[in-house]
């Protein structure tokens, strides 16, 4: 079984939208949200490779982690909002590069390069902020 690194985004390339006067266009922001929406259809590779029935999706994983951080006791020195933000952002690149696990045979450096490039693209689409 091959690694499931083919996302809907790979089947349907993201349109290259230009900003107008350096400002974010509605079209570009909608493309960003649509691209993130593909994560609700991408099952986590590790679960699939282990033949788990009804595997978790990437977006389900991100949402569950954010929910757990929201519910954690706030007596720690960790900022609750930063924990939640980290959970929501940590797998966003997978809407472009797919869910690459150590068993996919992609060198760590290459996975990191692809994910950085994907996050730069997503940041460009989402605009300043």
C-alpha atoms as a PDB file:
ATOM      1  CA  UNK A   1       0.000   0.000   0.000  1.00  0.00           C
ATOM      2  CA  UNK A   2       1.439   3.385  -0.955  1.00  0.00           C
ATOM      3  CA  UNK A   3       1.347   6.428   1.285  1.00  0.00           C
ATOM      4  CA  UNK A   4      -1.753   8.557   0.963  1.00  0.00           C
ATOM      5  CA  UNK A   5      -0.079  11.857   0.195  1.00  0.00           C
ATOM      6  CA  UNK A   6      -2.365  12.797  -2.661  1.00  0.00           C
ATOM      7  CA  UNK A   7      -4.806  15.439  -1.473  1.00  0.00           C
ATOM      8  CA  UNK A   8      -7.692  17.038  -3.275  1.00  0.00           C
ATOM      9  CA  UNK A   9      -5.420  20.037  -3.697  1.00  0.00           C
ATOM     10  CA  UNK A  10      -3.028  17.975  -5.785  1.00  0.00           C
ATOM     11  CA  UNK A  11      -5.879  16.990  -8.068  1.00  0.00           C
ATOM     12  CA  UNK A  12      -7.116  20.535  -8.386  1.00  0.00           C
ATOM     13  CA  UNK A  13      -4.300  23.084  -8.361  1.00  0.00           C
ATOM     14  CA  UNK A  14      -4.812  26.238  -6.355  1.00  0.00           C
ATOM     15  CA  UNK A  15      -5.521  29.257  -8.515  1.00  0.00           C
ATOM     16  CA  UNK A  16      -2.799  31.901  -8.381  1.00  0.00           C
ATOM     17  CA  UNK A  17      -4.720  35.031  -7.411  1.00  0.00           C
ATOM     18  CA  UNK A  18      -2.979  38.378  -7.273  1.00  0.00           C
ATOM     19  CA  UNK A  19      -3.653  40.911  -4.568  1.00  0.00           C
ATOM     20  CA  UNK A  20      -4.981  44.304  -5.573  1.00  0.00           C
ATOM     21  CA  UNK A  21      -2.827  47.223  -4.384  1.00  0.00           C
ATOM     22  CA  UNK A  22      -1.132  44.885  -1.908  1.00  0.00           C
ATOM     23  CA  UNK A  23      -4.453  44.021  -0.239  1.00  0.00           C
ATOM     24  CA  UNK A  24      -5.982  40.576   0.045  1.00  0.00           C
ATOM     25  CA  UNK A  25      -8.674  39.810  -2.497  1.00  0.00           C
ATOM     26  CA  UNK A  26     -11.843  38.065  -1.403  1.00  0.00           C
ATOM     27  CA  UNK A  27     -11.151  35.404  -4.023  1.00  0.00           C
ATOM     28  CA  UNK A  28      -7.752  34.590  -2.540  1.00  0.00           C
ATOM     29  CA  UNK A  29      -9.138  34.358   0.981  1.00  0.00           C
ATOM     30  CA  UNK A  30     -11.971  32.112  -0.207  1.00  0.00           C
ATOM     31  CA  UNK A  31      -9.423  29.896  -1.976  1.00  0.00           C
ATOM     32  CA  UNK A  32      -7.541  29.628   1.343  1.00  0.00           C
ATOM     33  CA  UNK A  33     -10.669  28.570   3.230  1.00  0.00           C
ATOM     34  CA  UNK A  34     -11.657  26.140   0.467  1.00  0.00           C
ATOM     35  CA  UNK A  35      -8.193  24.588   0.469  1.00  0.00           C
ATOM     36  CA  UNK A  36      -8.288  24.111   4.247  1.00  0.00           C
ATOM     37  CA  UNK A  37     -11.705  22.515   3.820  1.00  0.00           C
ATOM     38  CA  UNK A  38     -10.111  19.672   1.869  1.00  0.00           C
ATOM     39  CA  UNK A  39      -8.576  18.440   5.143  1.00  0.00           C
ATOM     40  CA  UNK A  40     -11.977  17.162   6.274  1.00  0.00           C
ATOM     41  CA  UNK A  41     -11.796  14.600   3.466  1.00  0.00           C
ATOM     42  CA  UNK A  42      -8.179  13.454   3.942  1.00  0.00           C
ATOM     43  CA  UNK A  43      -7.796  10.473   6.242  1.00  0.00           C
ATOM     44  CA  UNK A  44      -4.667  10.331   8.365  1.00  0.00           C
ATOM     45  CA  UNK A  45      -2.070   8.158   6.662  1.00  0.00           C
ATOM     46  CA  UNK A  46      -0.925   6.321   9.787  1.00  0.00           C
ATOM     47  CA  UNK A  47      -4.468   5.215  10.570  1.00  0.00           C
ATOM     48  CA  UNK A  48      -5.017   4.010   7.007  1.00  0.00           C
ATOM     49  CA  UNK A  49      -1.697   2.136   6.904  1.00  0.00           C
ATOM     50  CA  UNK A  50      -2.626   0.396  10.180  1.00  0.00           C
ATOM     51  CA  UNK A  51      -6.033  -0.598   8.738  1.00  0.00           C
ATOM     52  CA  UNK A  52      -7.977   1.334  11.374  1.00  0.00           C
ATOM     53  CA  UNK A  53     -11.682   1.234  10.601  1.00  0.00           C
ATOM     54  CA  UNK A  54     -13.128   4.706   9.953  1.00  0.00           C
ATOM     55  CA  UNK A  55      -9.818   6.575  10.188  1.00  0.00           C
ATOM     56  CA  UNK A  56      -9.683  10.054  11.625  1.00  0.00           C
ATOM     57  CA  UNK A  57      -9.382  12.931   9.148  1.00  0.00           C
ATOM     58  CA  UNK A  58      -6.677  15.569   9.404  1.00  0.00           C
ATOM     59  CA  UNK A  59      -9.198  18.293  10.243  1.00  0.00           C
ATOM     60  CA  UNK A  60     -10.830  16.048  12.848  1.00  0.00           C
ATOM     61  CA  UNK A  61      -7.414  15.537  14.432  1.00  0.00           C
ATOM     62  CA  UNK A  62      -6.691  19.292  14.477  1.00  0.00           C
ATOM     63  CA  UNK A  63     -10.110  20.119  15.932  1.00  0.00           C
ATOM     64  CA  UNK A  64      -9.910  17.430  18.623  1.00  0.00           C
ATOM     65  CA  UNK A  65      -6.459  18.632  19.709  1.00  0.00           C
ATOM     66  CA  UNK A  66      -7.645  22.262  19.860  1.00  0.00           C
ATOM     67  CA  UNK A  67     -10.670  21.192  21.903  1.00  0.00           C
ATOM     68  CA  UNK A  68      -8.448  19.316  24.363  1.00  0.00           C
ATOM     69  CA  UNK A  69      -6.242  22.400  24.772  1.00  0.00           C
ATOM     70  CA  UNK A  70      -9.315  24.526  25.361  1.00  0.00           C
ATOM     71  CA  UNK A  71     -10.410  22.171  28.140  1.00  0.00           C
ATOM     72  CA  UNK A  72      -7.013  21.848  29.850  1.00  0.00           C
ATOM     73  CA  UNK A  73      -6.625  23.423  33.253  1.00  0.00           C
ATOM     74  CA  UNK A  74      -5.469  26.996  32.823  1.00  0.00           C
ATOM     75  CA  UNK A  75      -3.167  26.853  35.876  1.00  0.00           C
ATOM     76  CA  UNK A  76      -0.139  26.145  33.702  1.00  0.00           C
ATOM     77  CA  UNK A  77       2.353  28.720  32.461  1.00  0.00           C
ATOM     78  CA  UNK A  78       1.266  27.971  28.884  1.00  0.00           C
ATOM     79  CA  UNK A  79      -0.970  30.446  27.108  1.00  0.00           C
ATOM     80  CA  UNK A  80      -4.289  28.761  26.276  1.00  0.00           C
ATOM     81  CA  UNK A  81      -4.802  30.713  23.033  1.00  0.00           C
ATOM     82  CA  UNK A  82      -1.296  29.884  21.785  1.00  0.00           C
ATOM     83  CA  UNK A  83      -1.908  26.186  22.537  1.00  0.00           C
ATOM     84  CA  UNK A  84      -5.155  26.263  20.563  1.00  0.00           C
ATOM     85  CA  UNK A  85      -3.569  28.194  17.677  1.00  0.00           C
ATOM     86  CA  UNK A  86      -0.722  25.661  17.516  1.00  0.00           C
ATOM     87  CA  UNK A  87      -3.200  22.794  17.290  1.00  0.00           C
ATOM     88  CA  UNK A  88      -5.163  24.460  14.514  1.00  0.00           C
ATOM     89  CA  UNK A  89      -2.072  25.372  12.482  1.00  0.00           C
ATOM     90  CA  UNK A  90       0.269  22.413  12.984  1.00  0.00           C
ATOM     91  CA  UNK A  91      -1.114  20.258  10.148  1.00  0.00           C
ATOM     92  CA  UNK A  92      -2.400  22.962   7.776  1.00  0.00           C
ATOM     93  CA  UNK A  93       0.405  22.330   5.278  1.00  0.00           C
ATOM     94  CA  UNK A  94      -1.050  18.871   4.704  1.00  0.00           C
ATOM     95  CA  UNK A  95      -3.830  20.398   2.561  1.00  0.00           C
ATOM     96  CA  UNK A  96      -1.062  20.935  -0.006  1.00  0.00           C
ATOM     97  CA  UNK A  97       1.610  18.289   0.683  1.00  0.00           C
ATOM     98  CA  UNK A  98      -0.579  15.522   2.110  1.00  0.00           C
ATOM     99  CA  UNK A  99      -0.075  13.543   5.319  1.00  0.00           C
ATOM    100  CA  UNK A 100       3.535  12.380   5.068  1.00  0.00           C
ATOM    101  CA  UNK A 101       4.537   9.913   7.773  1.00  0.00           C
ATOM    102  CA  UNK A 102       7.997   8.463   8.527  1.00  0.00           C
ATOM    103  CA  UNK A 103       6.854   5.293   6.732  1.00  0.00           C
ATOM    104  CA  UNK A 104       6.323   7.152   3.441  1.00  0.00           C
ATOM    105  CA  UNK A 105      10.029   7.161   2.657  1.00  0.00           C
ATOM    106  CA  UNK A 106      10.277  10.947   2.328  1.00  0.00           C
ATOM    107  CA  UNK A 107      13.469  12.238   3.976  1.00  0.00           C
ATOM    108  CA  UNK A 108      12.822  14.466   7.001  1.00  0.00           C
ATOM    109  CA  UNK A 109      14.574  17.412   5.346  1.00  0.00           C
ATOM    110  CA  UNK A 110      12.416  17.084   2.224  1.00  0.00           C
ATOM    111  CA  UNK A 111       9.213  16.809   4.278  1.00  0.00           C
ATOM    112  CA  UNK A 112      10.229  19.933   6.197  1.00  0.00           C
ATOM    113  CA  UNK A 113      11.037  21.803   2.958  1.00  0.00           C
ATOM    114  CA  UNK A 114       7.672  20.876   1.434  1.00  0.00           C
ATOM    115  CA  UNK A 115       5.771  21.881   4.568  1.00  0.00           C
ATOM    116  CA  UNK A 116       7.579  25.232   4.868  1.00  0.00           C
ATOM    117  CA  UNK A 117       6.825  25.970   1.207  1.00  0.00           C
ATOM    118  CA  UNK A 118       3.171  25.015   1.725  1.00  0.00           C
ATOM    119  CA  UNK A 119       2.851  27.216   4.820  1.00  0.00           C
ATOM    120  CA  UNK A 120       4.366  30.134   2.920  1.00  0.00           C
ATOM    121  CA  UNK A 121       1.755  29.628   0.185  1.00  0.00           C
ATOM    122  CA  UNK A 122      -1.050  29.427   2.751  1.00  0.00           C
ATOM    123  CA  UNK A 123       0.235  32.542   4.531  1.00  0.00           C
ATOM    124  CA  UNK A 124       0.278  34.398   1.216  1.00  0.00           C
ATOM    125  CA  UNK A 125      -3.300  33.306   0.558  1.00  0.00           C
ATOM    126  CA  UNK A 126      -4.529  34.232   4.060  1.00  0.00           C
ATOM    127  CA  UNK A 127      -2.910  37.642   3.975  1.00  0.00           C
ATOM    128  CA  UNK A 128      -1.320  39.694   6.734  1.00  0.00           C
ATOM    129  CA  UNK A 129      -2.332  39.057  10.265  1.00  0.00           C
END
